[in-house]
């Protein structure tokens, strides 16, 4: 019983983080598409700076690296964690 009281909110938080990162990725896709894929312009869409908060220091990622490498990998990791959490319930 207590496990469900703890696990359900944690699952919800991880799912919300995935949805948030997916929405930021879509918004950045639309932004960079509208500026003809000029990655020298910062979209400032991701106000959380999740890469800096995750590592405690700036990774000095370019906008291109954040868009194509970091965020898709981060979404994949979150999905993997969510799936493993669900699998661990069974």
PDB file of N, CA and C in Angstrom:
ATOM      1  N   UNK A   1       0.820  -1.198   0.000  1.00  0.00           N
ATOM      2  CA  UNK A   1       0.000   0.000   0.000  1.00  0.00           C
ATOM      3  C   UNK A   1       0.859   1.255   0.000  1.00  0.00           C
ATOM      4  N   UNK A   2       1.842   1.286   0.909  1.00  0.00           N
ATOM      5  CA  UNK A   2       2.702   2.469   0.985  1.00  0.00           C
ATOM      6  C   UNK A   2       3.554   2.629  -0.269  1.00  0.00           C
ATOM      7  N   UNK A   3       3.893   1.501  -0.893  1.00  0.00           N
ATOM      8  CA  UNK A   3       4.668   1.573  -2.131  1.00  0.00           C
ATOM      9  C   UNK A   3       3.905   2.332  -3.207  1.00  0.00           C
ATOM     10  N   UNK A   4       2.616   2.065  -3.330  1.00  0.00           N
ATOM     11  CA  UNK A   4       1.812   2.763  -4.333  1.00  0.00           C
ATOM     12  C   UNK A   4       1.692   4.241  -4.032  1.00  0.00           C
ATOM     13  N   UNK A   5       1.610   4.585  -2.761  1.00  0.00           N
ATOM     14  CA  UNK A   5       1.503   5.996  -2.383  1.00  0.00           C
ATOM     15  C   UNK A   5       2.769   6.752  -2.778  1.00  0.00           C
ATOM     16  N   UNK A   6       3.900   6.086  -2.761  1.00  0.00           N
ATOM     17  CA  UNK A   6       5.160   6.720  -3.141  1.00  0.00           C
ATOM     18  C   UNK A   6       5.408   6.602  -4.644  1.00  0.00           C
ATOM     19  N   UNK A   7       5.129   5.449  -5.212  1.00  0.00           N
ATOM     20  CA  UNK A   7       5.490   5.188  -6.602  1.00  0.00           C
ATOM     21  C   UNK A   7       4.620   5.961  -7.593  1.00  0.00           C
ATOM     22  N   UNK A   8       3.346   6.071  -7.344  1.00  0.00           N
ATOM     23  CA  UNK A   8       2.455   6.748  -8.291  1.00  0.00           C
ATOM     24  C   UNK A   8       2.856   8.206  -8.506  1.00  0.00           C
ATOM     25  N   UNK A   9       3.114   8.990  -7.451  1.00  0.00           N
ATOM     26  CA  UNK A   9       3.564  10.371  -7.706  1.00  0.00           C
ATOM     27  C   UNK A   9       4.920  10.442  -8.416  1.00  0.00           C
ATOM     28  N   UNK A  10       5.813   9.519  -8.094  1.00  0.00           N
ATOM     29  CA  UNK A  10       7.114   9.514  -8.759  1.00  0.00           C
ATOM     30  C   UNK A  10       6.955   9.192 -10.242  1.00  0.00           C
ATOM     31  N   UNK A  11       6.109   8.226 -10.564  1.00  0.00           N
ATOM     32  CA  UNK A  11       5.822   7.924 -11.967  1.00  0.00           C
ATOM     33  C   UNK A  11       5.234   9.147 -12.675  1.00  0.00           C
ATOM     34  N   UNK A  12       4.354   9.847 -11.988  1.00  0.00           N
ATOM     35  CA  UNK A  12       3.744  11.044 -12.574  1.00  0.00           C
ATOM     36  C   UNK A  12       4.789  12.127 -12.833  1.00  0.00           C
ATOM     37  N   UNK A  13       5.714  12.299 -11.909  1.00  0.00           N
ATOM     38  CA  UNK A  13       6.755  13.321 -12.078  1.00  0.00           C
ATOM     39  C   UNK A  13       7.663  12.973 -13.251  1.00  0.00           C
ATOM     40  N   UNK A  14       8.063  11.730 -13.366  1.00  0.00           N
ATOM     41  CA  UNK A  14       8.921  11.319 -14.482  1.00  0.00           C
ATOM     42  C   UNK A  14       8.169  11.470 -15.804  1.00  0.00           C
ATOM     43  N   UNK A  15       6.902  11.087 -15.821  1.00  0.00           N
ATOM     44  CA  UNK A  15       6.094  11.238 -17.033  1.00  0.00           C
ATOM     45  C   UNK A  15       5.941  12.714 -17.399  1.00  0.00           C
ATOM     46  N   UNK A  16       5.741  13.571 -16.399  1.00  0.00           N
ATOM     47  CA  UNK A  16       5.643  15.012 -16.658  1.00  0.00           C
ATOM     48  C   UNK A  16       6.960  15.558 -17.199  1.00  0.00           C
ATOM     49  N   UNK A  17       8.080  15.087 -16.686  1.00  0.00           N
ATOM     50  CA  UNK A  17       9.387  15.541 -17.193  1.00  0.00           C
ATOM     51  C   UNK A  17       9.562  15.149 -18.656  1.00  0.00           C
ATOM     52  N   UNK A  18       9.089  13.959 -19.020  1.00  0.00           N
ATOM     53  CA  UNK A  18       9.173  13.521 -20.418  1.00  0.00           C
ATOM     54  C   UNK A  18       8.308  14.409 -21.299  1.00  0.00           C
ATOM     55  N   UNK A  19       7.084  14.662 -20.870  1.00  0.00           N
ATOM     56  CA  UNK A  19       6.172  15.507 -21.647  1.00  0.00           C
ATOM     57  C   UNK A  19       6.749  16.916 -21.787  1.00  0.00           C
ATOM     58  N   UNK A  20       7.317  17.435 -20.717  1.00  0.00           N
ATOM     59  CA  UNK A  20       7.903  18.776 -20.770  1.00  0.00           C
ATOM     60  C   UNK A  20       9.065  18.832 -21.764  1.00  0.00           C
ATOM     61  N   UNK A  21       9.954  17.866 -21.709  1.00  0.00           N
ATOM     62  CA  UNK A  21      11.100  17.864 -22.618  1.00  0.00           C
ATOM     63  C   UNK A  21      10.667  17.658 -24.069  1.00  0.00           C
ATOM     64  N   UNK A  22       9.647  16.834 -24.283  1.00  0.00           N
ATOM     65  CA  UNK A  22       9.120  16.663 -25.637  1.00  0.00           C
ATOM     66  C   UNK A  22       8.503  17.960 -26.159  1.00  0.00           C
ATOM     67  N   UNK A  23       7.767  18.669 -25.310  1.00  0.00           N
ATOM     68  CA  UNK A  23       7.160  19.930 -25.750  1.00  0.00           C
ATOM     69  C   UNK A  23       8.227  20.987 -26.026  1.00  0.00           C
ATOM     70  N   UNK A  24       9.283  21.019 -25.219  1.00  0.00           N
ATOM     71  CA  UNK A  24      10.379  21.953 -25.477  1.00  0.00           C
ATOM     72  C   UNK A  24      11.067  21.605 -26.794  1.00  0.00           C
ATOM     73  N   UNK A  25      11.269  20.323 -27.044  1.00  0.00           N
ATOM     74  CA  UNK A  25      11.906  19.899 -28.295  1.00  0.00           C
ATOM     75  C   UNK A  25      11.064  20.303 -29.498  1.00  0.00           C
ATOM     76  N   UNK A  26       9.758  20.109 -29.415  1.00  0.00           N
ATOM     77  CA  UNK A  26       8.864  20.493 -30.516  1.00  0.00           C
ATOM     78  C   UNK A  26       8.878  22.002 -30.709  1.00  0.00           C
ATOM     79  N   UNK A  27       8.830  22.766 -29.621  1.00  0.00           N
ATOM     80  CA  UNK A  27       8.858  24.224 -29.730  1.00  0.00           C
ATOM     81  C   UNK A  27      10.178  24.716 -30.313  1.00  0.00           C
ATOM     82  N   UNK A  28      11.286  24.097 -29.910  1.00  0.00           N
ATOM     83  CA  UNK A  28      12.571  24.483 -30.489  1.00  0.00           C
ATOM     84  C   UNK A  28      12.647  24.086 -31.959  1.00  0.00           C
ATOM     85  N   UNK A  29      12.089  22.945 -32.306  1.00  0.00           N
ATOM     86  CA  UNK A  29      12.047  22.551 -33.718  1.00  0.00           C
ATOM     87  C   UNK A  29      11.324  23.609 -34.531  1.00  0.00           C
ATOM     88  N   UNK A  30      10.173  24.050 -34.059  1.00  0.00           N
ATOM     89  CA  UNK A  30       9.413  25.084 -34.776  1.00  0.00           C
ATOM     90  C   UNK A  30      10.196  26.391 -34.838  1.00  0.00           C
ATOM     91  N   UNK A  31      10.876  26.744 -33.738  1.00  0.00           N
ATOM     92  CA  UNK A  31      11.645  27.987 -33.706  1.00  0.00           C
ATOM     93  C   UNK A  31      12.784  27.943 -34.720  1.00  0.00           C
ATOM     94  N   UNK A  32      13.584  26.886 -34.686  1.00  0.00           N
ATOM     95  CA  UNK A  32      14.727  26.810 -35.594  1.00  0.00           C
ATOM     96  C   UNK A  32      14.294  26.635 -37.044  1.00  0.00           C
ATOM     97  N   UNK A  33      13.156  26.009 -37.255  1.00  0.00           N
ATOM     98  CA  UNK A  33      12.622  25.915 -38.606  1.00  0.00           C
ATOM     99  C   UNK A  33      12.232  27.303 -39.105  1.00  0.00           C
ATOM    100  N   UNK A  34      11.692  28.138 -38.226  1.00  0.00           N
ATOM    101  CA  UNK A  34      11.260  29.478 -38.630  1.00  0.00           C
ATOM    102  C   UNK A  34      12.430  30.419 -38.897  1.00  0.00           C
ATOM    103  N   UNK A  35      13.599  30.124 -38.328  1.00  0.00           N
ATOM    104  CA  UNK A  35      14.781  30.970 -38.575  1.00  0.00           C
ATOM    105  C   UNK A  35      15.757  30.276 -39.522  1.00  0.00           C
ATOM    106  N   UNK A  36      15.249  29.390 -40.354  1.00  0.00           N
ATOM    107  CA  UNK A  36      16.037  28.668 -41.368  1.00  0.00           C
ATOM    108  C   UNK A  36      17.203  27.909 -40.763  1.00  0.00           C
ATOM    109  N   UNK A  37      16.956  27.248 -39.632  1.00  0.00           N
ATOM    110  CA  UNK A  37      17.922  26.375 -38.971  1.00  0.00           C
ATOM    111  C   UNK A  37      19.228  27.091 -38.629  1.00  0.00           C
ATOM    112  N   UNK A  38      19.114  28.357 -38.228  1.00  0.00           N
ATOM    113  CA  UNK A  38      20.281  29.130 -37.795  1.00  0.00           C
ATOM    114  C   UNK A  38      20.483  28.891 -36.296  1.00  0.00           C
ATOM    115  N   UNK A  39      21.405  27.999 -35.950  1.00  0.00           N
ATOM    116  CA  UNK A  39      21.610  27.632 -34.551  1.00  0.00           C
ATOM    117  C   UNK A  39      22.457  28.648 -33.790  1.00  0.00           C
ATOM    118  N   UNK A  40      22.864  29.706 -34.452  1.00  0.00           N
ATOM    119  CA  UNK A  40      23.580  30.749 -33.726  1.00  0.00           C
ATOM    120  C   UNK A  40      22.623  31.590 -32.878  1.00  0.00           C
ATOM    121  N   UNK A  41      21.345  31.476 -33.164  1.00  0.00           N
ATOM    122  CA  UNK A  41      20.319  32.191 -32.396  1.00  0.00           C
ATOM    123  C   UNK A  41      19.811  31.271 -31.293  1.00  0.00           C
ATOM    124  N   UNK A  42      19.829  31.758 -30.056  1.00  0.00           N
ATOM    125  CA  UNK A  42      19.328  30.953 -28.945  1.00  0.00           C
ATOM    126  C   UNK A  42      17.824  31.148 -28.832  1.00  0.00           C
ATOM    127  N   UNK A  43      17.096  30.054 -28.780  1.00  0.00           N
ATOM    128  CA  UNK A  43      15.635  30.138 -28.729  1.00  0.00           C
ATOM    129  C   UNK A  43      15.138  30.595 -27.359  1.00  0.00           C
ATOM    130  N   UNK A  44      15.909  30.359 -26.317  1.00  0.00           N
ATOM    131  CA  UNK A  44      15.543  30.679 -24.928  1.00  0.00           C
ATOM    132  C   UNK A  44      14.203  30.051 -24.535  1.00  0.00           C
ATOM    133  N   UNK A  45      13.857  28.930 -25.170  1.00  0.00           N
ATOM    134  CA  UNK A  45      12.615  28.237 -24.867  1.00  0.00           C
ATOM    135  C   UNK A  45      12.761  27.406 -23.604  1.00  0.00           C
ATOM    136  N   UNK A  46      13.908  26.753 -23.463  1.00  0.00           N
ATOM    137  CA  UNK A  46      14.136  25.915 -22.291  1.00  0.00           C
ATOM    138  C   UNK A  46      14.697  26.770 -21.167  1.00  0.00           C
ATOM    139  N   UNK A  47      13.805  27.354 -20.385  1.00  0.00           N
ATOM    140  CA  UNK A  47      14.231  28.244 -19.300  1.00  0.00           C
ATOM    141  C   UNK A  47      14.770  27.485 -18.098  1.00  0.00           C
ATOM    142  N   UNK A  48      14.568  26.155 -18.080  1.00  0.00           N
ATOM    143  CA  UNK A  48      15.052  25.364 -16.952  1.00  0.00           C
ATOM    144  C   UNK A  48      16.544  25.084 -17.034  1.00  0.00           C
ATOM    145  N   UNK A  49      17.122  25.186 -18.225  1.00  0.00           N
ATOM    146  CA  UNK A  49      18.525  24.838 -18.445  1.00  0.00           C
ATOM    147  C   UNK A  49      18.838  23.501 -17.790  1.00  0.00           C
ATOM    148  N   UNK A  50      18.118  22.489 -18.222  1.00  0.00           N
ATOM    149  CA  UNK A  50      18.181  21.181 -17.585  1.00  0.00           C
ATOM    150  C   UNK A  50      19.578  20.583 -17.642  1.00  0.00           C
ATOM    151  N   UNK A  51      20.350  20.918 -18.672  1.00  0.00           N
ATOM    152  CA  UNK A  51      21.704  20.362 -18.756  1.00  0.00           C
ATOM    153  C   UNK A  51      22.592  20.917 -17.654  1.00  0.00           C
ATOM    154  N   UNK A  52      22.416  22.190 -17.292  1.00  0.00           N
ATOM    155  CA  UNK A  52      23.217  22.775 -16.222  1.00  0.00           C
ATOM    156  C   UNK A  52      22.749  22.300 -14.854  1.00  0.00           C
ATOM    157  N   UNK A  53      21.469  22.114 -14.682  1.00  0.00           N
ATOM    158  CA  UNK A  53      20.966  21.667 -13.379  1.00  0.00           C
ATOM    159  C   UNK A  53      21.288  20.199 -13.126  1.00  0.00           C
ATOM    160  N   UNK A  54      21.382  19.425 -14.190  1.00  0.00           N
ATOM    161  CA  UNK A  54      21.675  18.012 -14.034  1.00  0.00           C
ATOM    162  C   UNK A  54      23.126  17.788 -13.626  1.00  0.00           C
ATOM    163  N   UNK A  55      24.021  18.584 -14.171  1.00  0.00           N
ATOM    164  CA  UNK A  55      25.440  18.358 -13.949  1.00  0.00           C
ATOM    165  C   UNK A  55      26.063  19.335 -12.965  1.00  0.00           C
ATOM    166  N   UNK A  56      25.352  20.363 -12.566  1.00  0.00           N
ATOM    167  CA  UNK A  56      25.873  21.299 -11.576  1.00  0.00           C
ATOM    168  C   UNK A  56      26.801  22.350 -12.136  1.00  0.00           C
ATOM    169  N   UNK A  57      27.143  22.223 -13.388  1.00  0.00           N
ATOM    170  CA  UNK A  57      27.980  23.223 -14.045  1.00  0.00           C
ATOM    171  C   UNK A  57      27.603  23.261 -15.521  1.00  0.00           C
ATOM    172  N   UNK A  58      27.986  24.310 -16.168  1.00  0.00           N
ATOM    173  CA  UNK A  58      27.637  24.473 -17.569  1.00  0.00           C
ATOM    174  C   UNK A  58      28.412  23.486 -18.424  1.00  0.00           C
ATOM    175  N   UNK A  59      27.718  22.788 -19.299  1.00  0.00           N
ATOM    176  CA  UNK A  59      28.365  21.843 -20.212  1.00  0.00           C
ATOM    177  C   UNK A  59      28.901  22.542 -21.460  1.00  0.00           C
ATOM    178  N   UNK A  60      28.619  23.839 -21.584  1.00  0.00           N
ATOM    179  CA  UNK A  60      29.026  24.625 -22.760  1.00  0.00           C
ATOM    180  C   UNK A  60      28.545  23.991 -24.057  1.00  0.00           C
ATOM    181  N   UNK A  61      27.294  23.553 -24.034  1.00  0.00           N
ATOM    182  CA  UNK A  61      26.710  22.978 -25.236  1.00  0.00           C
ATOM    183  C   UNK A  61      26.270  24.093 -26.170  1.00  0.00           C
ATOM    184  N   UNK A  62      26.490  23.881 -27.435  1.00  0.00           N
ATOM    185  CA  UNK A  62      25.958  24.821 -28.419  1.00  0.00           C
ATOM    186  C   UNK A  62      24.474  24.527 -28.588  1.00  0.00           C
ATOM    187  N   UNK A  63      23.770  25.415 -29.233  1.00  0.00           N
ATOM    188  CA  UNK A  63      22.346  25.196 -29.471  1.00  0.00           C
ATOM    189  C   UNK A  63      22.123  23.951 -30.323  1.00  0.00           C
ATOM    190  N   UNK A  64      23.010  23.735 -31.282  1.00  0.00           N
ATOM    191  CA  UNK A  64      22.918  22.558 -32.142  1.00  0.00           C
ATOM    192  C   UNK A  64      23.080  21.284 -31.322  1.00  0.00           C
ATOM    193  N   UNK A  65      24.081  21.255 -30.442  1.00  0.00           N
ATOM    194  CA  UNK A  65      24.318  20.071 -29.619  1.00  0.00           C
ATOM    195  C   UNK A  65      23.157  19.815 -28.670  1.00  0.00           C
ATOM    196  N   UNK A  66      22.599  20.871 -28.097  1.00  0.00           N
ATOM    197  CA  UNK A  66      21.477  20.708 -27.182  1.00  0.00           C
ATOM    198  C   UNK A  66      20.260  20.173 -27.920  1.00  0.00           C
ATOM    199  N   UNK A  67      20.029  20.673 -29.147  1.00  0.00           N
ATOM    200  CA  UNK A  67      18.848  20.278 -29.915  1.00  0.00           C
ATOM    201  C   UNK A  67      18.962  18.851 -30.451  1.00  0.00           C
ATOM    202  N   UNK A  68      20.102  18.506 -31.036  1.00  0.00           N
ATOM    203  CA  UNK A  68      20.231  17.215 -31.699  1.00  0.00           C
ATOM    204  C   UNK A  68      20.789  16.107 -30.825  1.00  0.00           C
ATOM    205  N   UNK A  69      21.568  16.423 -29.809  1.00  0.00           N
ATOM    206  CA  UNK A  69      22.227  15.390 -29.022  1.00  0.00           C
ATOM    207  C   UNK A  69      21.708  15.288 -27.592  1.00  0.00           C
ATOM    208  N   UNK A  70      21.783  16.391 -26.839  1.00  0.00           N
ATOM    209  CA  UNK A  70      21.509  16.309 -25.416  1.00  0.00           C
ATOM    210  C   UNK A  70      20.045  16.014 -25.117  1.00  0.00           C
ATOM    211  N   UNK A  71      19.139  16.825 -25.656  1.00  0.00           N
ATOM    212  CA  UNK A  71      17.732  16.650 -25.302  1.00  0.00           C
ATOM    213  C   UNK A  71      17.153  15.319 -25.779  1.00  0.00           C
ATOM    214  N   UNK A  72      17.419  14.852 -27.006  1.00  0.00           N
ATOM    215  CA  UNK A  72      16.905  13.517 -27.375  1.00  0.00           C
ATOM    216  C   UNK A  72      17.465  12.411 -26.484  1.00  0.00           C
ATOM    217  N   UNK A  73      18.750  12.509 -26.120  1.00  0.00           N
ATOM    218  CA  UNK A  73      19.334  11.512 -25.234  1.00  0.00           C
ATOM    219  C   UNK A  73      18.702  11.588 -23.848  1.00  0.00           C
ATOM    220  N   UNK A  74      18.446  12.790 -23.368  1.00  0.00           N
ATOM    221  CA  UNK A  74      17.810  12.979 -22.063  1.00  0.00           C
ATOM    222  C   UNK A  74      16.395  12.416 -22.064  1.00  0.00           C
ATOM    223  N   UNK A  75      15.647  12.629 -23.142  1.00  0.00           N
ATOM    224  CA  UNK A  75      14.295  12.082 -23.263  1.00  0.00           C
ATOM    225  C   UNK A  75      14.359  10.553 -23.269  1.00  0.00           C
ATOM    226  N   UNK A  76      15.325   9.999 -23.993  1.00  0.00           N
ATOM    227  CA  UNK A  76      15.503   8.551 -24.018  1.00  0.00           C
ATOM    228  C   UNK A  76      15.797   8.007 -22.622  1.00  0.00           C
ATOM    229  N   UNK A  77      16.670   8.672 -21.883  1.00  0.00           N
ATOM    230  CA  UNK A  77      16.995   8.235 -20.519  1.00  0.00           C
ATOM    231  C   UNK A  77      15.758   8.287 -19.631  1.00  0.00           C
ATOM    232  N   UNK A  78      14.982   9.362 -19.726  1.00  0.00           N
ATOM    233  CA  UNK A  78      13.772   9.461 -18.919  1.00  0.00           C
ATOM    234  C   UNK A  78      12.775   8.361 -19.278  1.00  0.00           C
ATOM    235  N   UNK A  79      12.627   8.081 -20.563  1.00  0.00           N
ATOM    236  CA  UNK A  79      11.731   6.994 -20.974  1.00  0.00           C
ATOM    237  C   UNK A  79      12.219   5.654 -20.437  1.00  0.00           C
ATOM    238  N   UNK A  80      13.514   5.429 -20.496  1.00  0.00           N
ATOM    239  CA  UNK A  80      14.082   4.192 -19.976  1.00  0.00           C
ATOM    240  C   UNK A  80      13.811   4.060 -18.476  1.00  0.00           C
ATOM    241  N   UNK A  81      14.005   5.148 -17.735  1.00  0.00           N
ATOM    242  CA  UNK A  81      13.749   5.134 -16.286  1.00  0.00           C
ATOM    243  C   UNK A  81      12.270   4.846 -16.017  1.00  0.00           C
ATOM    244  N   UNK A  82      11.383   5.488 -16.769  1.00  0.00           N
ATOM    245  CA  UNK A  82       9.952   5.266 -16.576  1.00  0.00           C
ATOM    246  C   UNK A  82       9.576   3.812 -16.854  1.00  0.00           C
ATOM    247  N   UNK A  83      10.089   3.264 -17.937  1.00  0.00           N
ATOM    248  CA  UNK A  83       9.787   1.873 -18.278  1.00  0.00           C
ATOM    249  C   UNK A  83      10.332   0.928 -17.192  1.00  0.00           C
ATOM    250  N   UNK A  84      11.544   1.181 -16.748  1.00  0.00           N
ATOM    251  CA  UNK A  84      12.124   0.322 -15.701  1.00  0.00           C
ATOM    252  C   UNK A  84      11.345   0.440 -14.386  1.00  0.00           C
ATOM    253  N   UNK A  85      10.841   1.609 -14.083  1.00  0.00           N
ATOM    254  CA  UNK A  85      10.019   1.766 -12.880  1.00  0.00           C
ATOM    255  C   UNK A  85       8.732   0.970 -13.003  1.00  0.00           C
ATOM    256  N   UNK A  86       8.114   1.015 -14.174  1.00  0.00           N
ATOM    257  CA  UNK A  86       6.869   0.274 -14.387  1.00  0.00           C
ATOM    258  C   UNK A  86       7.142  -1.228 -14.359  1.00  0.00           C
ATOM    259  N   UNK A  87       8.232  -1.659 -14.995  1.00  0.00           N
ATOM    260  CA  UNK A  87       8.572  -3.078 -15.008  1.00  0.00           C
ATOM    261  C   UNK A  87       8.860  -3.570 -13.592  1.00  0.00           C
ATOM    262  N   UNK A  88       9.476  -2.726 -12.774  1.00  0.00           N
ATOM    263  CA  UNK A  88       9.812  -3.143 -11.407  1.00  0.00           C
ATOM    264  C   UNK A  88       8.574  -3.345 -10.533  1.00  0.00           C
ATOM    265  N   UNK A  89       7.438  -2.818 -10.959  1.00  0.00           N
ATOM    266  CA  UNK A  89       6.198  -2.998 -10.194  1.00  0.00           C
ATOM    267  C   UNK A  89       5.660  -4.429 -10.332  1.00  0.00           C
ATOM    268  N   UNK A  90       6.041  -5.100 -11.404  1.00  0.00           N
ATOM    269  CA  UNK A  90       5.494  -6.448 -11.656  1.00  0.00           C
ATOM    270  C   UNK A  90       6.364  -7.519 -11.103  1.00  0.00           C
TER     271      UNK A  90
END
